[in-house]
Amino acid sequence: MSDLTVRLIIVCVMTTIIHLINTLNYSVRLAGVRTKRLAIAFSLFNVIFLISSTANTVQAPLLAKISDKLFAGVERGSALYGEHLVSLSWDIRLVLASATLGTVMGTMLIPSFVRLMSKGIFLFERTGSIPLLLGALLSPGRVSRVLAGVYLPGAGALNRAKRQDIPKRLLTLNVLITGVFTTGVLSALYAGSLVPEFGKTAAMLSSIVNGGAQILLATIVDPMVATITDQAIRGVRSEEDVKSMVMYLAFSRIAGTVLAQLIFIPAAELIRLVAHLI
C-alpha cells in the first residue's frame, strides 16, 4: 500500500469522525430539552467536540500533502498532470463520500446518543467530574448497550415529523450551508491544483466562502433552531417538535453532503476564477 493511499485512508476516517460528531450535535438540544438542562448538555458535548476539532486541524494538511506529492515534479499542462488532476478529483470525491457516511452514521446514532447524553447529564450532576463521567459512560457494558440500541429512524418517525411545524426555510438553508462547508476547503485545494501559481490565493478564498456560510448559519439557522428548542423548554412546543427538528436537520445534513458532490467542481472553478481576478 502506497504512502498516498495510507494518507487518503486516514483523511477519510477523520472526515467520517468529524461529520459523525457534527451530526450528533443536533441531538444535544433534544437531550437538553428532555432533561431541562440545556447548558449542561452543551458543556458536556464540547468535550466530545474537541475530538472533531482536533481531527479537523489534521485532516486539511494531510490532504494538502497528498496533492503536493501527487504533482511534485510534474509539468503543468502535460498528459501526466491531467491524469493526476483526475486522480485528485476522485480522491476528493471519496473524502466527500466519507462525509456522507459519517453523517448517516451520526443520524443512526442520534436516538442512542440522546439516551446516553441524558444519562450523562444526570451522572455529571452527581459526580461533578468529567473524568469520572467519561469512565462511567465509556465502560464496556454501557458502550455495548448503546451500540445494540442503534437504529435508523423509520417511516413512523418520518410520518410523525411531517405533522410538526418545522420551517422549510430552515431545512433548505441547512442543506445549502452543509454543502458549502463540506466542499469548501476541498474545492479550494482542487482549484489550487488547477492554477498552481495561485494556490495560496485559492486556499485563502476557502475561508471566505466558509465564512459566508458561517454567517448564514449564525444569523438564520441557529436562531431558528434555538427558538424551537427554547419554546419546547418553556412548554410552548412539545418535545416531539424538537425530535422532528433534530431528525429533519440530520436528514437535510445528509442531503447537504450529497450536494457537496454536485458543487465540488463548479465551486473549484469559481474559486479558480476569483483567484485570477483578485
Protein backbone atom coordinates (compact mmCIF):
# COMPACT_ATOMS: atom_id res chain seq x y z
CA MET A 1 0.00 0.00 0.00
CA SER A 2 1.49 3.34 -1.08
CA ASP A 3 2.10 6.28 1.23
CA LEU A 4 -0.54 8.35 -0.60
CA THR A 5 -3.14 5.61 -0.14
CA VAL A 6 -2.45 5.42 3.59
CA ARG A 7 -2.79 9.20 3.87
CA LEU A 8 -6.06 9.11 1.95
CA ILE A 9 -7.47 6.40 4.23
CA ILE A 10 -6.52 8.46 7.29
CA VAL A 11 -8.20 11.55 5.80
CA CYS A 12 -11.37 9.56 5.02
CA VAL A 13 -11.52 8.13 8.55
CA MET A 14 -11.04 11.58 10.07
CA THR A 15 -13.72 13.05 7.77
CA THR A 16 -16.14 10.33 8.84
CA ILE A 17 -15.48 11.07 12.51
CA ILE A 18 -15.82 14.83 12.02
CA HIS A 19 -19.19 14.59 10.30
CA LEU A 20 -20.47 11.91 12.67
CA ILE A 21 -19.78 14.17 15.66
CA ASN A 22 -21.15 17.27 13.92
CA THR A 23 -24.39 15.38 13.20
CA LEU A 24 -24.68 14.24 16.81
CA ASN A 25 -24.55 17.90 17.78
CA TYR A 26 -28.23 18.17 16.78
CA SER A 27 -29.25 15.63 19.40
CA VAL A 28 -27.70 17.68 22.22
CA ARG A 29 -30.66 20.06 22.07
CA LEU A 30 -33.11 17.18 22.42
CA ALA A 31 -31.20 15.80 25.41
CA GLY A 32 -31.22 19.28 26.95
CA VAL A 33 -34.98 19.62 26.43
CA ARG A 34 -35.64 16.15 27.83
CA THR A 35 -33.59 16.78 30.99
CA LYS A 36 -34.35 20.55 31.23
CA ARG A 37 -30.59 21.09 31.47
CA LEU A 38 -29.60 22.55 28.11
CA ALA A 39 -26.49 24.39 29.34
CA ILE A 40 -25.01 21.21 30.88
CA ALA A 41 -25.81 19.28 27.69
CA PHE A 42 -23.83 21.72 25.56
CA SER A 43 -21.00 21.80 28.09
CA LEU A 44 -20.65 18.01 28.05
CA PHE A 45 -20.85 17.84 24.26
CA ASN A 46 -17.99 20.33 23.96
CA VAL A 47 -15.71 17.64 25.39
CA ILE A 48 -16.66 15.32 22.51
CA PHE A 49 -16.48 18.19 20.01
CA LEU A 50 -12.79 18.63 20.87
CA ILE A 51 -12.17 15.30 19.11
CA SER A 52 -13.82 16.63 15.96
CA SER A 53 -11.86 19.89 16.13
CA THR A 54 -8.56 18.06 16.55
CA ALA A 55 -9.32 15.75 13.62
CA ASN A 56 -10.28 18.76 11.51
CA THR A 57 -6.96 20.50 12.10
CA VAL A 58 -5.03 17.40 10.99
CA GLN A 59 -7.28 16.48 8.04
CA ALA A 60 -6.63 19.51 5.81
CA PRO A 61 -2.79 19.41 5.95
CA LEU A 62 -2.83 15.66 5.23
CA LEU A 63 -4.99 16.17 2.14
CA ALA A 64 -2.83 19.08 1.02
CA LYS A 65 0.22 16.84 1.38
CA ILE A 66 -1.42 14.27 -0.91
CA SER A 67 -1.85 16.98 -3.55
CA ASP A 68 1.74 18.22 -3.13
CA LYS A 69 3.19 14.73 -3.50
CA LEU A 70 0.93 13.93 -6.45
CA PHE A 71 2.06 16.93 -8.51
CA ALA A 72 5.67 17.12 -7.36
CA GLY A 73 7.95 17.37 -10.41
CA VAL A 74 5.06 17.04 -12.89
CA GLU A 75 4.96 19.66 -15.63
CA ARG A 76 1.72 21.59 -15.75
CA GLY A 77 -0.20 21.03 -18.98
CA SER A 78 1.31 17.62 -19.59
CA ALA A 79 -0.78 14.49 -20.03
CA LEU A 80 0.51 13.18 -16.70
CA TYR A 81 -0.60 16.38 -14.97
CA GLY A 82 -4.11 15.90 -16.37
CA GLU A 83 -4.16 12.30 -15.15
CA HIS A 84 -3.14 13.45 -11.67
CA LEU A 85 -5.92 16.05 -11.69
CA VAL A 86 -8.45 13.32 -12.43
CA SER A 87 -6.93 11.15 -9.70
CA LEU A 88 -7.09 14.00 -7.19
CA SER A 89 -10.72 14.72 -8.07
CA TRP A 90 -11.66 11.11 -7.37
CA ASP A 91 -9.70 11.17 -4.10
CA ILE A 92 -11.64 14.27 -3.03
CA ARG A 93 -14.93 12.67 -4.03
CA LEU A 94 -14.02 9.72 -1.83
CA VAL A 95 -13.46 12.14 1.05
CA LEU A 96 -16.87 13.71 0.33
CA ALA A 97 -18.41 10.23 0.36
CA SER A 98 -16.80 9.71 3.77
CA ALA A 99 -18.58 12.87 4.93
CA THR A 100 -21.90 11.37 3.83
CA LEU A 101 -21.05 8.09 5.57
CA GLY A 102 -20.21 9.89 8.81
CA THR A 103 -23.45 11.89 8.63
CA VAL A 104 -25.53 8.74 8.04
CA MET A 105 -23.79 7.03 10.96
CA GLY A 106 -24.44 10.08 13.14
CA THR A 107 -28.11 10.04 12.17
CA MET A 108 -28.38 6.38 13.12
CA LEU A 109 -26.74 7.07 16.47
CA ILE A 110 -28.91 10.05 17.41
CA PRO A 111 -31.59 8.09 19.38
CA SER A 112 -28.90 6.21 21.32
CA PHE A 113 -26.83 9.34 21.80
CA VAL A 114 -29.81 11.25 23.20
CA ARG A 115 -30.31 8.50 25.80
CA LEU A 116 -26.57 8.45 26.56
CA MET A 117 -26.41 12.25 26.89
CA SER A 118 -29.48 12.32 29.12
CA LYS A 119 -27.91 9.77 31.47
CA GLY A 120 -24.59 11.62 31.25
CA ILE A 121 -26.20 14.89 32.34
CA PHE A 122 -27.65 13.33 35.49
CA LEU A 123 -24.40 11.44 36.19
CA PHE A 124 -22.44 14.67 35.88
CA GLU A 125 -24.70 16.33 38.43
CA ARG A 126 -23.83 13.52 40.87
CA THR A 127 -20.11 13.20 40.11
CA GLY A 128 -19.26 16.80 39.19
CA SER A 129 -16.24 15.47 37.30
CA ILE A 130 -15.72 14.98 33.57
CA PRO A 131 -13.10 12.17 34.00
CA LEU A 132 -15.40 10.20 36.33
CA LEU A 133 -18.32 10.78 33.99
CA LEU A 134 -16.35 9.55 30.94
CA GLY A 135 -15.22 6.49 32.87
CA ALA A 136 -18.84 5.61 33.64
CA LEU A 137 -20.22 6.33 30.18
CA LEU A 138 -17.42 4.58 28.28
CA SER A 139 -17.49 1.38 30.30
CA PRO A 140 -17.65 -1.71 28.01
CA GLY A 141 -21.09 -2.71 29.26
CA ARG A 142 -22.66 0.69 28.65
CA VAL A 143 -21.00 1.09 25.23
CA SER A 144 -22.24 -2.35 24.13
CA ARG A 145 -25.78 -1.48 25.21
CA VAL A 146 -25.62 1.77 23.26
CA LEU A 147 -24.37 0.02 20.13
CA ALA A 148 -27.05 -2.66 20.47
CA GLY A 149 -29.71 0.04 20.53
CA VAL A 150 -28.60 1.76 17.34
CA TYR A 151 -31.32 2.07 14.71
CA LEU A 152 -32.22 4.33 11.81
CA PRO A 153 -35.41 6.38 12.36
CA GLY A 154 -38.11 4.59 10.42
CA ALA A 155 -41.22 5.54 8.47
CA GLY A 156 -43.19 6.03 11.69
CA ALA A 157 -40.81 8.73 12.86
CA LEU A 158 -40.96 10.38 9.44
CA ASN A 159 -44.77 10.39 9.46
CA ARG A 160 -44.84 11.94 12.94
CA ALA A 161 -42.32 14.55 11.84
CA LYS A 162 -44.49 15.56 8.87
CA ARG A 163 -47.18 16.66 11.29
CA GLN A 164 -44.84 19.04 13.09
CA ASP A 165 -44.40 22.70 12.19
CA ILE A 166 -40.73 22.84 11.18
CA PRO A 167 -39.83 25.84 8.93
CA LYS A 168 -38.89 24.64 5.43
CA ARG A 169 -36.51 27.58 5.06
CA LEU A 170 -34.51 26.19 7.99
CA LEU A 171 -34.06 22.83 6.26
CA THR A 172 -33.27 24.34 2.85
CA LEU A 173 -30.60 26.59 4.31
CA ASN A 174 -29.15 23.69 6.28
CA VAL A 175 -28.75 21.68 3.06
CA LEU A 176 -27.00 24.58 1.30
CA ILE A 177 -24.76 25.51 4.21
CA THR A 178 -23.74 21.89 4.81
CA GLY A 179 -22.90 21.51 1.12
CA VAL A 180 -20.69 24.62 1.18
CA PHE A 181 -18.96 23.65 4.42
CA THR A 182 -18.35 20.10 3.24
CA THR A 183 -16.72 21.03 -0.06
CA GLY A 184 -15.28 24.47 0.72
CA VAL A 185 -11.71 23.52 1.64
CA LEU A 186 -11.69 20.57 -0.78
CA SER A 187 -12.78 22.71 -3.74
CA ALA A 188 -10.14 25.29 -2.84
CA LEU A 189 -7.50 22.57 -2.76
CA TYR A 190 -8.55 21.34 -6.19
CA ALA A 191 -8.63 24.92 -7.53
CA GLY A 192 -5.07 25.36 -6.28
CA SER A 193 -4.06 22.34 -8.36
CA LEU A 194 -5.79 23.79 -11.43
CA VAL A 195 -3.79 27.02 -11.08
CA PRO A 196 -0.68 26.23 -9.01
CA GLU A 197 0.58 29.82 -9.33
CA PHE A 198 -2.48 30.96 -7.37
CA GLY A 199 -2.56 28.01 -4.98
CA LYS A 200 -2.18 30.09 -1.82
CA THR A 201 -4.79 32.57 -3.01
CA ALA A 202 -7.25 29.74 -3.68
CA ALA A 203 -6.60 28.27 -0.22
CA MET A 204 -7.37 31.62 1.41
CA LEU A 205 -10.57 32.01 -0.60
CA SER A 206 -11.98 28.87 1.03
CA SER A 207 -12.05 30.70 4.36
CA ILE A 208 -14.09 33.49 2.75
CA VAL A 209 -16.59 31.01 1.29
CA ASN A 210 -16.89 29.11 4.57
CA GLY A 211 -17.11 32.42 6.42
CA GLY A 212 -20.15 33.39 4.35
CA ALA A 213 -21.78 30.05 5.17
CA GLN A 214 -20.91 30.54 8.84
CA ILE A 215 -22.65 33.93 8.83
CA LEU A 216 -25.82 32.36 7.41
CA LEU A 217 -25.61 29.59 9.99
CA ALA A 218 -25.14 32.01 12.90
CA THR A 219 -27.72 34.59 11.81
CA ILE A 220 -30.53 32.45 10.37
CA VAL A 221 -30.26 28.71 11.09
CA ASP A 222 -29.00 28.69 14.70
CA PRO A 223 -31.51 31.31 15.96
CA MET A 224 -34.41 29.37 14.41
CA VAL A 225 -33.19 26.13 15.99
CA ALA A 226 -32.65 27.86 19.34
CA THR A 227 -36.14 29.37 19.22
CA ILE A 228 -37.79 25.97 18.71
CA THR A 229 -35.65 24.48 21.50
CA ASP A 230 -36.44 27.26 23.97
CA GLN A 231 -40.14 27.05 23.14
CA ALA A 232 -40.05 23.34 24.00
CA ILE A 233 -38.30 24.02 27.32
CA ARG A 234 -40.95 26.65 28.18
CA GLY A 235 -43.76 24.27 27.20
CA VAL A 236 -44.90 26.32 24.20
CA ARG A 237 -43.90 23.45 21.91
CA SER A 238 -43.79 19.74 22.63
CA GLU A 239 -40.69 17.58 22.85
CA GLU A 240 -41.99 15.92 19.68
CA ASP A 241 -41.31 19.16 17.80
CA VAL A 242 -37.67 19.06 18.85
CA LYS A 243 -37.43 15.36 17.90
CA SER A 244 -38.80 16.21 14.45
CA MET A 245 -36.44 19.16 14.10
CA VAL A 246 -33.43 17.04 15.02
CA MET A 247 -34.45 14.32 12.55
CA TYR A 248 -35.07 16.80 9.73
CA LEU A 249 -31.78 18.59 10.39
CA ALA A 250 -29.90 15.29 10.30
CA PHE A 251 -31.51 14.22 7.02
CA SER A 252 -31.02 17.66 5.50
CA ARG A 253 -27.37 17.40 6.52
CA ILE A 254 -27.12 14.10 4.62
CA ALA A 255 -28.62 15.87 1.59
CA GLY A 256 -26.06 18.65 2.05
CA THR A 257 -23.12 16.23 1.87
CA VAL A 258 -24.61 14.79 -1.33
CA LEU A 259 -25.00 18.32 -2.68
CA ALA A 260 -21.29 18.82 -1.99
CA GLN A 261 -20.54 16.13 -4.61
CA LEU A 262 -22.54 18.12 -7.17
CA ILE A 263 -20.99 21.52 -6.45
CA PHE A 264 -17.42 20.34 -5.84
CA ILE A 265 -16.14 21.05 -9.38
CA PRO A 266 -18.26 24.20 -10.02
CA ALA A 267 -17.06 25.60 -6.68
CA ALA A 268 -13.44 24.84 -7.61
CA GLU A 269 -13.88 26.58 -10.96
CA LEU A 270 -15.45 29.60 -9.24
CA ILE A 271 -12.58 29.80 -6.76
CA ARG A 272 -10.10 29.48 -9.64
CA LEU A 273 -11.82 32.35 -11.49
CA VAL A 274 -11.85 34.60 -8.43
CA ALA A 275 -8.19 33.78 -7.74
CA HIS A 276 -7.39 35.02 -11.26
CA LEU A 277 -9.43 38.21 -10.86
CA ILE A 278 -8.26 39.48 -7.47
